[in-house]
Amino acid sequence: MKQKLQEKAKQIAQNPVTQKALTSMKPQKSIWGFLGVIFFFIVPEVIAFFYGADLTSFAKAQLLLPNSFEMHYYYKALEMMFEDGVSWLNLIIGFALLIWLFF
C-alpha cells in the first residue's frame, strides 16, 4: 500500500498538468510579486501578533454601538480576522512563497 501511494505521488508530480499548475502559482520575480506576498500573507499576521487583542476589543466595542449595515459587517469581519491571534500557517505559506520567489 505504501509503495502504491509513493508511485501515485510520483505520477502526480511528473504530470505536465501538475507542473503547469505549480508554475502558474509561482509569484513573478518583480516588486509586485514580492510586495503581494508580503502584504497578503506576512503583514496581517504581524499586525495580529502585536495588535490582535486591541483590534478585537475595539471591534467588539463598536458592535455594541448603533452602526450602519456595512459598518456592522466591517466590525464583524475585523473581529473574526483578529480574534484567534496569529495564523502560523499563513506565515509559513508566506515565507515559503518568498523563498520560492527567489529560487
N, C-alpha and C. Protein backbone atom coordinates (compact mmCIF):
# COMPACT_ATOMS: atom_id res chain seq x y z
N MET A 1 0.83 -1.20 0.00
CA MET A 1 0.00 0.00 0.00
C MET A 1 0.87 1.26 0.00
N LYS A 2 1.94 1.25 0.83
CA LYS A 2 2.81 2.40 0.92
C LYS A 2 3.52 2.65 -0.41
N GLN A 3 3.96 1.58 -1.05
CA GLN A 3 4.65 1.71 -2.33
C GLN A 3 3.69 2.20 -3.41
N LYS A 4 2.44 1.78 -3.32
CA LYS A 4 1.43 2.21 -4.28
C LYS A 4 1.19 3.72 -4.17
N LEU A 5 1.15 4.21 -2.93
CA LEU A 5 0.97 5.64 -2.71
C LEU A 5 2.17 6.43 -3.21
N GLN A 6 3.37 5.90 -3.00
CA GLN A 6 4.56 6.58 -3.48
C GLN A 6 4.59 6.65 -5.00
N GLU A 7 4.20 5.58 -5.66
CA GLU A 7 4.15 5.57 -7.12
C GLU A 7 3.13 6.57 -7.64
N LYS A 8 1.98 6.63 -6.97
CA LYS A 8 0.93 7.58 -7.37
C LYS A 8 1.41 9.01 -7.18
N ALA A 9 2.12 9.27 -6.09
CA ALA A 9 2.63 10.62 -5.84
C ALA A 9 3.66 11.00 -6.91
N LYS A 10 4.51 10.07 -7.31
CA LYS A 10 5.49 10.34 -8.36
C LYS A 10 4.80 10.63 -9.69
N GLN A 11 3.74 9.88 -9.98
CA GLN A 11 2.98 10.12 -11.22
C GLN A 11 2.36 11.51 -11.22
N ILE A 12 1.82 11.89 -10.09
CA ILE A 12 1.19 13.21 -10.00
C ILE A 12 2.25 14.30 -10.14
N ALA A 13 3.41 14.11 -9.50
CA ALA A 13 4.47 15.12 -9.56
C ALA A 13 5.05 15.25 -10.97
N GLN A 14 5.08 14.18 -11.73
CA GLN A 14 5.64 14.21 -13.07
C GLN A 14 4.62 14.56 -14.15
N ASN A 15 3.37 14.68 -13.76
CA ASN A 15 2.32 15.00 -14.71
C ASN A 15 2.52 16.44 -15.21
N PRO A 16 2.48 16.66 -16.54
CA PRO A 16 2.69 18.02 -17.06
C PRO A 16 1.63 19.02 -16.59
N VAL A 17 0.43 18.55 -16.35
CA VAL A 17 -0.63 19.46 -15.86
C VAL A 17 -0.28 19.96 -14.46
N THR A 18 0.24 19.08 -13.62
CA THR A 18 0.64 19.47 -12.27
C THR A 18 1.79 20.46 -12.32
N GLN A 19 2.76 20.21 -13.18
CA GLN A 19 3.89 21.12 -13.30
C GLN A 19 3.46 22.49 -13.81
N LYS A 20 2.51 22.49 -14.74
CA LYS A 20 2.00 23.77 -15.26
C LYS A 20 1.25 24.53 -14.16
N ALA A 21 0.48 23.81 -13.34
CA ALA A 21 -0.25 24.45 -12.24
C ALA A 21 0.71 25.06 -11.23
N LEU A 22 1.79 24.35 -10.89
CA LEU A 22 2.77 24.89 -9.96
C LEU A 22 3.47 26.11 -10.53
N THR A 23 3.77 26.08 -11.83
CA THR A 23 4.41 27.22 -12.47
C THR A 23 3.49 28.43 -12.46
N SER A 24 2.21 28.22 -12.67
CA SER A 24 1.28 29.35 -12.69
C SER A 24 1.06 29.94 -11.29
N MET A 25 1.27 29.14 -10.24
CA MET A 25 1.10 29.63 -8.87
C MET A 25 2.30 30.43 -8.39
N LYS A 26 3.46 30.23 -9.01
CA LYS A 26 4.68 30.89 -8.55
C LYS A 26 4.56 32.40 -8.75
N PRO A 27 4.86 33.17 -7.70
CA PRO A 27 4.82 34.63 -7.85
C PRO A 27 5.88 35.09 -8.85
N GLN A 28 5.58 36.15 -9.56
CA GLN A 28 6.53 36.67 -10.55
C GLN A 28 7.67 37.39 -9.83
N LYS A 29 8.85 37.30 -10.43
CA LYS A 29 10.01 37.98 -9.85
C LYS A 29 9.94 39.46 -10.21
N SER A 30 9.17 40.17 -9.46
CA SER A 30 9.05 41.60 -9.63
C SER A 30 8.76 42.21 -8.27
N ILE A 31 8.78 43.50 -8.23
CA ILE A 31 8.48 44.18 -6.97
C ILE A 31 7.03 43.90 -6.55
N TRP A 32 6.13 43.74 -7.51
CA TRP A 32 4.72 43.48 -7.20
C TRP A 32 4.52 42.08 -6.65
N GLY A 33 5.27 41.11 -7.18
CA GLY A 33 5.18 39.76 -6.64
C GLY A 33 5.68 39.71 -5.20
N PHE A 34 6.79 40.39 -4.95
CA PHE A 34 7.35 40.46 -3.61
C PHE A 34 6.40 41.16 -2.65
N LEU A 35 5.92 42.34 -3.05
CA LEU A 35 5.02 43.11 -2.18
C LEU A 35 3.69 42.39 -1.98
N GLY A 36 3.21 41.69 -3.01
CA GLY A 36 1.96 40.95 -2.86
C GLY A 36 2.07 39.88 -1.79
N VAL A 37 3.16 39.13 -1.80
CA VAL A 37 3.36 38.09 -0.77
C VAL A 37 3.50 38.74 0.59
N ILE A 38 4.25 39.81 0.67
CA ILE A 38 4.46 40.48 1.97
C ILE A 38 3.13 41.01 2.52
N PHE A 39 2.38 41.74 1.68
CA PHE A 39 1.16 42.40 2.18
C PHE A 39 -0.02 41.46 2.37
N PHE A 40 -0.08 40.35 1.65
CA PHE A 40 -1.24 39.46 1.79
C PHE A 40 -1.02 38.31 2.74
N PHE A 41 0.23 37.96 3.03
CA PHE A 41 0.48 36.83 3.92
C PHE A 41 1.17 37.21 5.21
N ILE A 42 2.15 38.08 5.14
CA ILE A 42 3.01 38.31 6.31
C ILE A 42 2.55 39.50 7.15
N VAL A 43 2.25 40.63 6.54
CA VAL A 43 1.89 41.83 7.30
C VAL A 43 0.63 41.63 8.16
N PRO A 44 -0.45 41.01 7.65
CA PRO A 44 -1.61 40.82 8.54
C PRO A 44 -1.30 39.98 9.78
N GLU A 45 -0.40 39.01 9.63
CA GLU A 45 -0.06 38.18 10.79
C GLU A 45 0.82 38.93 11.78
N VAL A 46 1.68 39.80 11.30
CA VAL A 46 2.48 40.63 12.20
C VAL A 46 1.57 41.59 12.97
N ILE A 47 0.61 42.17 12.27
CA ILE A 47 -0.36 43.05 12.92
C ILE A 47 -1.17 42.28 13.96
N ALA A 48 -1.58 41.06 13.60
CA ALA A 48 -2.35 40.23 14.55
C ALA A 48 -1.51 39.88 15.78
N PHE A 49 -0.23 39.68 15.58
CA PHE A 49 0.64 39.33 16.71
C PHE A 49 0.74 40.49 17.70
N PHE A 50 0.94 41.70 17.20
CA PHE A 50 1.15 42.84 18.09
C PHE A 50 -0.14 43.51 18.53
N TYR A 51 -1.14 43.61 17.65
CA TYR A 51 -2.34 44.40 17.95
C TYR A 51 -3.63 43.60 17.87
N GLY A 52 -3.56 42.28 17.82
CA GLY A 52 -4.76 41.46 17.66
C GLY A 52 -5.78 41.66 18.76
N ALA A 53 -5.34 41.65 20.00
CA ALA A 53 -6.27 41.81 21.13
C ALA A 53 -6.90 43.20 21.13
N ASP A 54 -6.10 44.21 20.82
CA ASP A 54 -6.62 45.58 20.79
C ASP A 54 -7.66 45.75 19.67
N LEU A 55 -7.36 45.22 18.51
CA LEU A 55 -8.30 45.33 17.38
C LEU A 55 -9.59 44.57 17.66
N THR A 56 -9.48 43.42 18.28
CA THR A 56 -10.67 42.63 18.61
C THR A 56 -11.54 43.36 19.64
N SER A 57 -10.93 43.91 20.67
CA SER A 57 -11.72 44.63 21.67
C SER A 57 -12.35 45.89 21.08
N PHE A 58 -11.63 46.57 20.19
CA PHE A 58 -12.19 47.75 19.51
C PHE A 58 -13.41 47.36 18.67
N ALA A 59 -13.29 46.26 17.92
CA ALA A 59 -14.40 45.81 17.07
C ALA A 59 -15.61 45.42 17.92
N LYS A 60 -15.37 44.74 19.02
CA LYS A 60 -16.48 44.34 19.90
C LYS A 60 -17.16 45.56 20.51
N ALA A 61 -16.37 46.57 20.88
CA ALA A 61 -16.95 47.80 21.43
C ALA A 61 -17.77 48.53 20.38
N GLN A 62 -17.30 48.56 19.15
CA GLN A 62 -18.03 49.24 18.08
C GLN A 62 -19.30 48.50 17.70
N LEU A 63 -19.31 47.18 17.86
CA LEU A 63 -20.51 46.41 17.55
C LEU A 63 -21.64 46.70 18.53
N LEU A 64 -21.30 47.15 19.73
CA LEU A 64 -22.34 47.49 20.71
C LEU A 64 -23.04 48.80 20.38
N LEU A 65 -22.39 49.64 19.60
CA LEU A 65 -22.97 50.92 19.21
C LEU A 65 -23.83 50.74 17.96
N PRO A 66 -24.80 51.65 17.76
CA PRO A 66 -25.59 51.56 16.53
C PRO A 66 -24.73 51.93 15.31
N ASN A 67 -24.69 51.04 14.34
CA ASN A 67 -23.90 51.23 13.13
C ASN A 67 -24.76 50.99 11.90
N SER A 68 -24.25 51.44 10.78
CA SER A 68 -24.93 51.13 9.53
C SER A 68 -24.70 49.66 9.21
N PHE A 69 -25.43 49.17 8.22
CA PHE A 69 -25.35 47.77 7.82
C PHE A 69 -23.93 47.40 7.41
N GLU A 70 -23.29 48.26 6.62
CA GLU A 70 -21.95 47.98 6.13
C GLU A 70 -20.93 47.99 7.26
N MET A 71 -21.04 48.96 8.15
CA MET A 71 -20.08 49.07 9.24
C MET A 71 -20.23 47.91 10.23
N HIS A 72 -21.46 47.45 10.42
CA HIS A 72 -21.68 46.31 11.29
C HIS A 72 -20.91 45.10 10.78
N TYR A 73 -21.01 44.82 9.50
CA TYR A 73 -20.30 43.67 8.93
C TYR A 73 -18.79 43.92 8.82
N TYR A 74 -18.40 45.16 8.70
CA TYR A 74 -16.97 45.50 8.72
C TYR A 74 -16.38 45.16 10.09
N TYR A 75 -17.05 45.55 11.16
CA TYR A 75 -16.54 45.27 12.51
C TYR A 75 -16.61 43.78 12.82
N LYS A 76 -17.63 43.10 12.30
CA LYS A 76 -17.71 41.64 12.48
C LYS A 76 -16.53 40.96 11.79
N ALA A 77 -16.20 41.40 10.58
CA ALA A 77 -15.07 40.82 9.85
C ALA A 77 -13.75 41.12 10.57
N LEU A 78 -13.63 42.34 11.07
CA LEU A 78 -12.42 42.71 11.81
C LEU A 78 -12.27 41.85 13.05
N GLU A 79 -13.37 41.62 13.73
CA GLU A 79 -13.34 40.77 14.93
C GLU A 79 -12.96 39.33 14.58
N MET A 80 -13.56 38.80 13.54
CA MET A 80 -13.27 37.42 13.14
C MET A 80 -11.82 37.27 12.67
N MET A 81 -11.29 38.28 12.02
CA MET A 81 -9.94 38.19 11.46
C MET A 81 -8.88 38.15 12.56
N PHE A 82 -9.08 38.89 13.62
CA PHE A 82 -8.03 39.03 14.62
C PHE A 82 -8.31 38.35 15.95
N GLU A 83 -9.45 37.68 16.12
CA GLU A 83 -9.76 37.11 17.42
C GLU A 83 -8.93 35.88 17.76
N ASP A 84 -8.44 35.15 16.77
CA ASP A 84 -7.68 33.94 17.05
C ASP A 84 -6.18 34.17 17.15
N GLY A 85 -5.74 35.36 16.93
CA GLY A 85 -4.32 35.66 17.01
C GLY A 85 -3.61 35.35 15.70
N VAL A 86 -2.36 34.96 15.82
CA VAL A 86 -1.51 34.74 14.65
C VAL A 86 -1.82 33.39 14.00
N SER A 87 -1.90 33.40 12.69
CA SER A 87 -2.04 32.16 11.94
C SER A 87 -0.66 31.74 11.47
N TRP A 88 -0.12 30.75 12.14
CA TRP A 88 1.23 30.30 11.79
C TRP A 88 1.25 29.68 10.41
N LEU A 89 0.13 29.12 9.99
CA LEU A 89 0.06 28.54 8.64
C LEU A 89 0.24 29.62 7.59
N ASN A 90 -0.40 30.76 7.76
CA ASN A 90 -0.24 31.87 6.80
C ASN A 90 1.20 32.37 6.78
N LEU A 91 1.83 32.45 7.94
CA LEU A 91 3.22 32.87 7.97
C LEU A 91 4.13 31.88 7.24
N ILE A 92 3.91 30.60 7.46
CA ILE A 92 4.71 29.57 6.80
C ILE A 92 4.50 29.64 5.29
N ILE A 93 3.24 29.78 4.87
CA ILE A 93 2.96 29.89 3.43
C ILE A 93 3.62 31.14 2.85
N GLY A 94 3.54 32.26 3.56
CA GLY A 94 4.15 33.50 3.09
C GLY A 94 5.65 33.38 2.93
N PHE A 95 6.32 32.82 3.93
CA PHE A 95 7.77 32.66 3.83
C PHE A 95 8.15 31.64 2.77
N ALA A 96 7.35 30.58 2.62
CA ALA A 96 7.62 29.59 1.57
C ALA A 96 7.49 30.23 0.19
N LEU A 97 6.49 31.08 0.00
CA LEU A 97 6.34 31.77 -1.28
C LEU A 97 7.48 32.75 -1.53
N LEU A 98 7.97 33.40 -0.49
CA LEU A 98 9.12 34.29 -0.66
C LEU A 98 10.37 33.53 -1.06
N ILE A 99 10.58 32.40 -0.42
CA ILE A 99 11.74 31.57 -0.79
C ILE A 99 11.59 31.07 -2.22
N TRP A 100 10.38 30.64 -2.57
CA TRP A 100 10.10 30.13 -3.92
C TRP A 100 10.26 31.25 -4.95
N LEU A 101 9.94 32.46 -4.54
CA LEU A 101 10.06 33.61 -5.45
C LEU A 101 11.51 33.83 -5.91
N PHE A 102 12.44 33.62 -4.99
CA PHE A 102 13.84 33.91 -5.31
C PHE A 102 14.62 32.71 -5.85
N PHE A 103 14.01 31.54 -5.89
CA PHE A 103 14.70 30.36 -6.46
C PHE A 103 13.98 29.80 -7.65
